[in-house]
N, C-alpha and C. Protein backbone atom coordinates (compact mmCIF):
# COMPACT_ATOMS: atom_id res chain seq x y z
N MET A 1 -0.49 -1.08 18.49
CA MET A 1 0.18 -0.23 19.28
C MET A 1 1.69 0.70 18.16
N THR A 2 1.79 1.85 18.75
CA THR A 2 2.45 2.81 17.33
C THR A 2 3.53 3.56 17.78
N ASN A 3 4.79 4.18 17.49
CA ASN A 3 4.97 5.45 18.27
C ASN A 3 5.26 6.07 16.62
N THR A 4 6.38 7.20 17.49
CA THR A 4 5.57 8.61 16.63
C THR A 4 7.53 8.40 16.41
N GLN A 5 6.90 9.16 14.32
CA GLN A 5 8.24 10.01 13.51
C GLN A 5 7.45 10.39 13.00
N ASN A 6 8.96 11.22 12.27
CA ASN A 6 8.90 12.30 11.17
C ASN A 6 8.16 13.45 11.33
N GLY A 7 8.70 14.03 12.04
CA GLY A 7 8.08 15.14 12.08
C GLY A 7 6.85 15.21 13.19
N GLY A 8 6.35 14.25 14.05
CA GLY A 8 5.05 14.03 15.04
C GLY A 8 3.96 12.71 14.52
N GLU A 9 4.40 12.18 13.44
CA GLU A 9 3.05 11.46 12.20
C GLU A 9 3.84 9.89 13.26
N THR A 10 2.23 9.37 13.01
CA THR A 10 2.52 8.26 14.07
C THR A 10 2.55 7.00 12.39
N PRO A 11 3.28 5.94 12.63
CA PRO A 11 2.98 4.75 10.98
C PRO A 11 1.83 5.34 11.05
N SER A 12 1.01 4.44 11.82
CA SER A 12 -0.47 4.68 12.42
C SER A 12 -1.12 5.69 11.19
N ARG A 13 -1.24 6.50 10.92
CA ARG A 13 -1.38 8.39 9.68
C ARG A 13 -0.57 7.97 8.91
N LEU A 14 1.32 7.42 9.00
CA LEU A 14 1.48 7.12 7.40
C LEU A 14 1.15 5.69 6.87
N ILE A 15 0.55 4.84 7.71
CA ILE A 15 0.21 4.22 6.32
C ILE A 15 -0.96 4.36 6.89
N ASP A 16 -2.00 5.18 6.66
CA ASP A 16 -3.32 5.56 6.53
C ASP A 16 -3.25 6.10 5.77
N ALA A 17 -2.36 7.11 5.76
CA ALA A 17 -2.00 8.80 4.30
C ALA A 17 -1.77 7.69 3.24
N LYS A 18 -1.06 6.82 2.68
CA LYS A 18 0.25 5.90 1.88
C LYS A 18 -1.52 5.75 1.10
N ILE A 19 -2.12 4.17 2.07
CA ILE A 19 -3.62 3.51 1.39
C ILE A 19 -4.58 4.58 1.00
N ARG A 20 -4.50 6.07 1.07
CA ARG A 20 -5.10 7.10 0.84
C ARG A 20 -4.30 7.19 -1.07
N GLU A 21 -3.00 7.70 -0.72
CA GLU A 21 -2.82 7.91 -1.41
C GLU A 21 -2.51 7.31 -2.54
N LEU A 22 -2.88 5.56 -2.73
CA LEU A 22 -2.46 5.54 -3.37
C LEU A 22 -4.07 5.03 -4.17
N ASP A 23 -4.91 5.03 -3.67
CA ASP A 23 -6.33 5.38 -4.25
C ASP A 23 -7.51 4.45 -5.34
N ASP A 24 -6.57 3.01 -5.16
CA ASP A 24 -6.85 1.87 -6.30
C ASP A 24 -6.38 1.13 -5.20
N TRP A 25 -6.51 -0.45 -6.50
CA TRP A 25 -7.01 -1.52 -5.88
C TRP A 25 -5.27 -1.80 -5.23
N ARG A 26 -4.58 -1.18 -5.37
CA ARG A 26 -3.30 -1.61 -4.79
C ARG A 26 -3.17 -1.04 -2.94
N GLY A 27 -4.26 0.46 -2.71
CA GLY A 27 -4.52 0.78 -1.57
C GLY A 27 -5.40 0.23 -1.10
N GLN A 28 -6.69 -0.64 -1.59
CA GLN A 28 -7.76 -1.20 -0.23
C GLN A 28 -6.97 -3.02 -0.93
N THR A 29 -6.12 -3.43 -0.98
CA THR A 29 -5.46 -4.60 -0.87
C THR A 29 -4.13 -4.60 0.57
N LEU A 30 -3.97 -3.23 0.17
CA LEU A 30 -2.75 -3.38 1.18
C LEU A 30 -3.75 -2.61 3.00
N ALA A 31 -4.87 -2.14 2.32
CA ALA A 31 -6.04 -1.93 3.75
C ALA A 31 -6.20 -2.94 3.78
N ALA A 32 -6.58 -4.46 3.31
CA ALA A 32 -7.25 -5.10 3.58
C ALA A 32 -6.30 -6.24 4.35
N ILE A 33 -4.83 -6.29 3.78
CA ILE A 33 -3.74 -7.03 4.20
C ILE A 33 -3.80 -6.68 6.10
N ARG A 34 -3.04 -4.76 6.38
CA ARG A 34 -3.37 -4.35 7.49
C ARG A 34 -4.55 -5.25 8.44
N GLN A 35 -5.57 -4.80 8.24
CA GLN A 35 -6.20 -5.75 8.77
C GLN A 35 -6.52 -7.11 9.27
N VAL A 36 -6.24 -8.13 8.16
CA VAL A 36 -6.10 -9.27 8.16
C VAL A 36 -5.08 -9.21 9.10
N ILE A 37 -3.42 -8.62 9.43
CA ILE A 37 -2.44 -8.29 10.37
C ILE A 37 -2.50 -8.20 11.46
N HIS A 38 -3.85 -7.02 11.75
CA HIS A 38 -4.21 -6.37 13.18
C HIS A 38 -4.77 -7.38 13.39
N HIS A 39 -6.02 -8.40 13.23
CA HIS A 39 -6.39 -9.15 13.66
C HIS A 39 -5.87 -9.95 13.89
N ALA A 40 -5.44 -9.93 13.60
CA ALA A 40 -3.78 -11.83 13.82
C ALA A 40 -3.39 -11.31 15.17
N ASP A 41 -2.78 -10.45 14.81
CA ASP A 41 -2.04 -9.84 16.46
C ASP A 41 -2.59 -8.38 16.66
N PRO A 42 -2.83 -8.74 17.37
CA PRO A 42 -4.14 -7.46 18.13
C PRO A 42 -2.28 -5.77 19.07
N ASP A 43 -1.23 -6.91 19.54
CA ASP A 43 -0.18 -5.87 19.80
C ASP A 43 0.72 -5.94 18.23
N VAL A 44 0.02 -6.15 17.33
CA VAL A 44 1.83 -5.50 16.54
C VAL A 44 2.01 -3.82 16.53
N LEU A 45 3.34 -4.57 16.35
CA LEU A 45 3.66 -2.74 16.12
C LEU A 45 3.74 -2.13 14.18
N GLU A 46 3.10 -0.71 15.20
CA GLU A 46 3.03 -0.10 12.87
C GLU A 46 4.94 0.74 12.92
N GLU A 47 5.57 0.24 11.40
CA GLU A 47 6.38 1.33 11.97
C GLU A 47 6.46 1.03 9.32
N VAL A 48 6.76 2.03 10.15
CA VAL A 48 7.41 2.79 8.38
C VAL A 48 9.16 3.36 7.78
N LYS A 49 9.53 2.69 7.24
CA LYS A 49 10.88 2.39 6.39
C LYS A 49 11.11 2.59 6.10
N TRP A 50 12.88 2.61 4.86
CA TRP A 50 13.33 2.02 4.04
C TRP A 50 12.03 3.27 2.81
N ARG A 51 11.87 4.35 2.76
CA ARG A 51 11.66 5.64 2.28
C ARG A 51 10.11 5.15 2.61
N GLY A 52 9.02 5.56 2.69
CA GLY A 52 7.55 4.44 3.28
C GLY A 52 7.21 3.62 3.42
N VAL A 53 8.28 2.47 3.81
CA VAL A 53 7.21 1.00 3.12
C VAL A 53 7.36 0.58 4.72
N PRO A 54 5.79 0.17 5.18
CA PRO A 54 4.65 -0.25 5.85
C PRO A 54 5.62 -2.16 6.80
N VAL A 55 6.18 -1.28 8.06
CA VAL A 55 6.24 -2.57 8.59
C VAL A 55 5.42 -2.72 9.79
N TRP A 56 5.01 -4.57 10.07
CA TRP A 56 4.94 -4.91 10.90
C TRP A 56 5.83 -5.29 11.68
N SER A 57 5.83 -4.84 13.15
CA SER A 57 6.63 -5.58 14.18
C SER A 57 5.93 -6.81 15.39
N HIS A 58 6.29 -7.50 16.10
CA HIS A 58 6.22 -7.61 17.03
C HIS A 58 7.56 -8.68 17.39
N ALA A 59 8.05 -8.11 18.36
CA ALA A 59 9.96 -9.05 19.27
C ALA A 59 10.23 -9.01 17.63
N GLY A 60 10.49 -8.37 16.56
CA GLY A 60 10.98 -8.39 15.44
C GLY A 60 10.02 -8.17 14.40
N ILE A 61 11.08 -7.83 13.29
CA ILE A 61 9.60 -7.42 11.78
C ILE A 61 8.94 -8.74 11.52
N ILE A 62 7.72 -9.02 11.58
CA ILE A 62 6.43 -9.78 10.82
C ILE A 62 7.29 -9.65 9.51
N CYS A 63 6.16 -8.81 8.99
CA CYS A 63 6.44 -8.03 7.72
C CYS A 63 6.34 -6.69 7.35
N THR A 64 6.64 -6.97 5.87
CA THR A 64 6.70 -5.52 4.74
C THR A 64 5.47 -5.37 3.79
N GLY A 65 5.07 -4.11 3.51
CA GLY A 65 3.92 -4.01 2.79
C GLY A 65 3.70 -3.21 1.65
N GLU A 66 4.73 -3.63 0.90
CA GLU A 66 5.51 -2.78 -0.41
C GLU A 66 4.32 -2.39 -1.50
N THR A 67 5.27 -0.92 -1.54
CA THR A 67 3.47 -1.04 -3.23
C THR A 67 4.14 -0.87 -4.68
N TYR A 68 4.17 -1.88 -6.03
CA TYR A 68 5.07 -1.23 -6.79
C TYR A 68 3.27 -1.16 -8.22
N GLN A 69 3.50 -0.81 -9.29
CA GLN A 69 2.88 -0.49 -10.42
C GLN A 69 2.09 -1.91 -10.14
N ARG A 70 1.66 -2.72 -10.58
CA ARG A 70 1.35 -4.27 -10.71
C ARG A 70 1.08 -5.12 -9.22
N ALA A 71 1.98 -4.86 -8.53
CA ALA A 71 2.00 -5.28 -7.72
C ALA A 71 1.55 -5.36 -5.71
N VAL A 72 0.91 -5.51 -5.15
CA VAL A 72 1.51 -5.91 -3.69
C VAL A 72 2.19 -6.51 -2.60
N LYS A 73 3.51 -6.24 -2.61
CA LYS A 73 4.92 -7.56 -1.84
C LYS A 73 4.00 -7.67 -0.69
N MET A 74 4.08 -8.92 0.04
CA MET A 74 3.89 -9.15 1.76
C MET A 74 5.21 -9.63 1.50
N THR A 75 6.06 -8.91 2.04
CA THR A 75 7.41 -9.62 2.30
C THR A 75 7.38 -10.28 4.26
N PHE A 76 7.59 -11.77 4.07
CA PHE A 76 8.19 -11.60 5.50
C PHE A 76 9.14 -12.14 6.20
N ALA A 77 9.71 -11.39 6.93
CA ALA A 77 11.08 -11.56 7.71
C ALA A 77 11.99 -12.95 7.20
N LYS A 78 11.32 -13.75 7.97
CA LYS A 78 11.74 -15.32 8.25
C LYS A 78 11.02 -16.22 7.36
N GLY A 79 9.55 -15.74 6.65
CA GLY A 79 9.60 -16.46 5.59
C GLY A 79 10.15 -17.62 5.50
N ALA A 80 10.70 -18.05 5.05
CA ALA A 80 11.61 -19.25 5.19
C ALA A 80 10.95 -19.83 5.95
N ALA A 81 11.34 -19.87 7.03
CA ALA A 81 11.15 -20.87 7.96
C ALA A 81 9.40 -20.77 8.78
N LEU A 82 8.92 -20.31 8.16
CA LEU A 82 7.12 -20.75 8.39
C LEU A 82 6.56 -21.72 7.20
N ALA A 83 5.70 -21.64 8.00
CA ALA A 83 5.05 -23.74 7.15
C ALA A 83 3.98 -22.69 5.96
N ASP A 84 3.77 -22.95 5.23
CA ASP A 84 2.46 -22.44 4.30
C ASP A 84 1.69 -23.29 3.66
N PRO A 85 1.36 -24.37 4.65
CA PRO A 85 0.12 -25.12 4.03
C PRO A 85 -1.17 -24.96 3.25
N ALA A 86 -1.95 -23.25 3.41
CA ALA A 86 -2.27 -22.55 2.56
C ALA A 86 -1.23 -23.00 0.32
N GLY A 87 -0.05 -22.55 0.86
CA GLY A 87 0.70 -22.20 -0.76
C GLY A 87 0.54 -21.17 -0.74
N LEU A 88 0.24 -20.02 0.27
CA LEU A 88 0.35 -18.16 0.10
C LEU A 88 1.52 -17.89 -0.20
N PHE A 89 2.72 -18.11 -0.36
CA PHE A 89 4.05 -18.09 -0.75
C PHE A 89 4.63 -17.74 -1.81
N ASN A 90 4.39 -16.92 -3.13
CA ASN A 90 4.62 -16.98 -4.35
C ASN A 90 6.05 -16.15 -5.52
N ALA A 91 6.21 -15.67 -4.10
CA ALA A 91 8.08 -14.80 -4.54
C ALA A 91 8.28 -15.04 -3.21
N SER A 92 9.77 -14.50 -4.04
CA SER A 92 11.03 -14.75 -3.65
C SER A 92 11.43 -15.96 -2.61
N LEU A 93 11.24 -17.08 -3.29
CA LEU A 93 11.10 -18.08 -2.84
C LEU A 93 12.43 -18.84 -3.02
N ASP A 94 13.68 -18.28 -3.41
CA ASP A 94 14.41 -19.22 -3.84
C ASP A 94 15.98 -18.36 -2.04
N GLY A 95 14.59 -17.83 -1.35
CA GLY A 95 16.40 -17.23 -0.45
C GLY A 95 16.28 -18.18 0.37
N ASN A 96 17.14 -17.56 1.45
CA ASN A 96 17.72 -18.61 2.80
C ASN A 96 16.97 -18.28 3.52
N THR A 97 15.74 -16.80 4.34
CA THR A 97 15.37 -16.64 5.11
C THR A 97 13.89 -16.17 4.39
N ARG A 98 13.78 -15.16 3.30
CA ARG A 98 12.39 -14.09 3.01
C ARG A 98 11.84 -15.19 2.77
N ARG A 99 10.54 -14.85 2.41
CA ARG A 99 8.79 -15.67 1.32
C ARG A 99 8.80 -13.94 1.32
N ALA A 100 7.55 -13.80 0.04
CA ALA A 100 6.60 -12.73 -0.20
C ALA A 100 5.72 -13.20 -0.71
N ILE A 101 5.18 -12.61 -0.66
CA ILE A 101 3.54 -12.69 -1.24
C ILE A 101 2.89 -11.73 -2.24
N ASP A 102 3.08 -11.97 -3.28
CA ASP A 102 2.55 -10.68 -4.60
C ASP A 102 1.22 -11.25 -4.38
N PHE A 103 0.57 -10.11 -4.45
CA PHE A 103 -1.08 -9.79 -4.76
C PHE A 103 -1.12 -9.27 -5.74
N HIS A 104 -1.56 -8.95 -6.88
CA HIS A 104 -1.85 -8.78 -7.70
C HIS A 104 -3.29 -7.97 -7.88
N GLU A 105 -3.67 -7.68 -9.35
CA GLU A 105 -4.95 -6.92 -9.58
C GLU A 105 -6.29 -7.68 -9.16
N GLY A 106 -7.06 -7.90 -8.69
CA GLY A 106 -7.92 -9.10 -8.76
C GLY A 106 -7.80 -10.57 -8.27
N ASP A 107 -6.59 -9.74 -7.84
CA ASP A 107 -6.51 -11.61 -6.36
C ASP A 107 -7.41 -10.86 -5.22
N ILE A 108 -7.71 -11.46 -3.98
CA ILE A 108 -8.73 -11.52 -3.27
C ILE A 108 -7.31 -12.54 -2.16
N VAL A 109 -7.88 -11.91 -0.75
CA VAL A 109 -6.52 -12.08 0.04
C VAL A 109 -7.57 -13.73 0.92
N ASP A 110 -6.49 -14.46 1.04
CA ASP A 110 -7.20 -15.68 1.61
C ASP A 110 -7.47 -15.31 3.65
N GLU A 111 -7.87 -13.92 3.90
CA GLU A 111 -7.82 -14.09 5.25
C GLU A 111 -7.53 -15.20 6.07
N ALA A 112 -7.86 -16.22 6.22
CA ALA A 112 -7.38 -17.04 6.74
C ALA A 112 -6.01 -17.35 7.35
N ALA A 113 -5.89 -17.95 6.39
CA ALA A 113 -4.06 -18.37 5.59
C ALA A 113 -3.53 -17.14 5.82
N LEU A 114 -3.44 -16.31 5.92
CA LEU A 114 -2.99 -15.03 5.86
C LEU A 114 -2.67 -14.87 7.59
N ALA A 115 -3.95 -14.92 8.23
CA ALA A 115 -4.55 -14.50 9.52
C ALA A 115 -3.11 -16.29 10.76
N ALA A 116 -2.76 -17.39 9.71
CA ALA A 116 -2.13 -18.45 10.17
C ALA A 116 -0.69 -17.28 9.89
N LEU A 117 -0.19 -17.57 8.40
CA LEU A 117 1.06 -16.88 8.44
C LEU A 117 1.60 -15.89 9.67
N ILE A 118 0.46 -15.03 9.56
CA ILE A 118 1.14 -13.28 10.56
C ILE A 118 1.46 -14.45 11.93
N CYS A 119 0.21 -15.33 12.33
CA CYS A 119 0.72 -15.99 14.46
C CYS A 119 1.62 -16.61 13.94
N ALA A 120 1.55 -17.22 13.19
CA ALA A 120 2.94 -18.32 12.68
C ALA A 120 4.97 -17.68 12.69
N ALA A 121 4.47 -16.85 12.45
CA ALA A 121 5.21 -15.33 12.39
C ALA A 121 5.92 -14.22 13.49
N VAL A 122 4.33 -14.55 14.45
CA VAL A 122 4.86 -13.85 15.74
C VAL A 122 5.71 -15.18 16.52
N ALA A 123 4.60 -16.32 16.37
CA ALA A 123 5.25 -17.41 17.34
C ALA A 123 7.13 -17.84 16.88
N LEU A 124 7.70 -16.97 15.49
CA LEU A 124 8.15 -17.81 15.58
C LEU A 124 9.63 -16.57 16.48
N ASN A 125 8.45 -15.57 15.91
CA ASN A 125 9.87 -14.54 16.83
C ASN A 125 10.31 -14.37 18.04
N THR A 126 8.42 -14.78 19.18
CA THR A 126 8.93 -14.27 19.75
C THR A 126 9.72 -15.54 21.40
N ALA A 127 9.66 -16.91 19.78
CA ALA A 127 10.66 -18.00 20.35
C ALA A 127 11.17 -17.50 20.59
N SER A 128 11.96 -17.03 18.88
CA SER A 128 13.39 -16.59 19.32
C SER A 128 13.92 -15.82 20.23
N LYS A 129 13.40 -14.96 20.46
CA LYS A 129 13.50 -14.04 21.52
C LYS A 129 14.05 -14.70 23.32
N LYS A 130 13.47 -16.19 22.93
CA LYS A 130 13.14 -16.74 25.04
C LYS A 130 14.54 -17.53 24.42
N LYS A 131 14.68 -17.05 23.71
CA LYS A 131 16.28 -19.19 23.61
C LYS A 131 17.30 -18.10 24.14
N PRO A 132 18.15 -19.26 25.91
CA PRO A 132 19.28 -18.49 26.44
C PRO A 132 19.58 -17.69 25.41
N LYS A 133 21.13 -16.95 25.73
CA LYS A 133 21.94 -16.80 24.80
C LYS A 133 23.56 -17.37 25.41
């Protein structure tokens, strides 16, 4: 699922362009992460925020995909509330809300464990939307 922004470009096309623009291991890693997200949650909404950062949402933000010189950082908006039995979270561990996974060149994406985190994040988002106020 996508929406339109930035002069008619869909977020999906903007993310496609970002992956092509990176043209190195970071683009490949971001593409692999994106594929896992879409397999784990076919109803995910792609957005681009904060000057080009890919964002995946379902009843709220699931995670972002930031790219840096030496890392692709996948930040889970409510990561501190998620069980991480595979120990994927390796960054932003001190905060009360977010958790992140930093992928570096040569790292392999554990697709099954990452898909489980995505599903848990979606479940958390949808459960919190159903709570009476």
